[in-house]
Amino acid sequence: MRYRFRRPVAGDGLYLDRPEVQTSGALCFRIDTEPVRGLRRTLLVEESGETPLVVFSDAPMDPVDFVPISTHMTYHAKSRFYNNRVMNLMRPGGSVAVDNDVLRLHENGVLEERPLPDHAALKQACIDYFGMNAEALAELDA
C-alpha cells in the first residue's frame, strides 16, 4: 500500500509497511506509529532530526464512510473542489495535476508548471496526460 501527500513531497509515494527510511527524490521519509494516539505518521528525515509531516489512520474504510465528506466537498461553496478545476493522477515516477489553469508535472522529484491559457490547451492536457477521450471533451471546444 502506498500513500501520497504534499510538500515536502514523496514523489514516488511511500510504502506503509516498511519501517526503514525511504528515499523519494532528494528527500528521506519514515513511517511509524505515533506514541500518544497510536496513529500512523509520516516523518521527514534530515541530518538535524525527524519532523512529523502527516498523522493518519490506516484503518480500513467502506465506501459509505466517504459519502458525507464527498457530498460536502462537491456542493459546499467554500470547498476547494466547488469553484476550482482540480485533477490529479499518479504516474510512475511522479504525478500530473491540473489546478485551475496550471498543469503541474511531477517527475522524479522535479516539478514543471505549464499554463493552460485556454480551453484548447486544457482539452489537450486532458487527452495527453489523463487519457480522456477527445469526443467526451467536445464541450470544451464551444
Foldseek 3Di string as FASTA:
>chain_A
DFDFDDVVGQFQTDDQPDQDWDDRQPWIKGWDADPPPRWIWIWTQDPVGTDTDDTHHPDDDDPVVCVVVVVCLDPPPPHLNPPWDWDWDRDHQGIWIDTHQWIWTHGRNDIDIDGNPALVSVLVCCCPHVVDDSVVSVVSVD
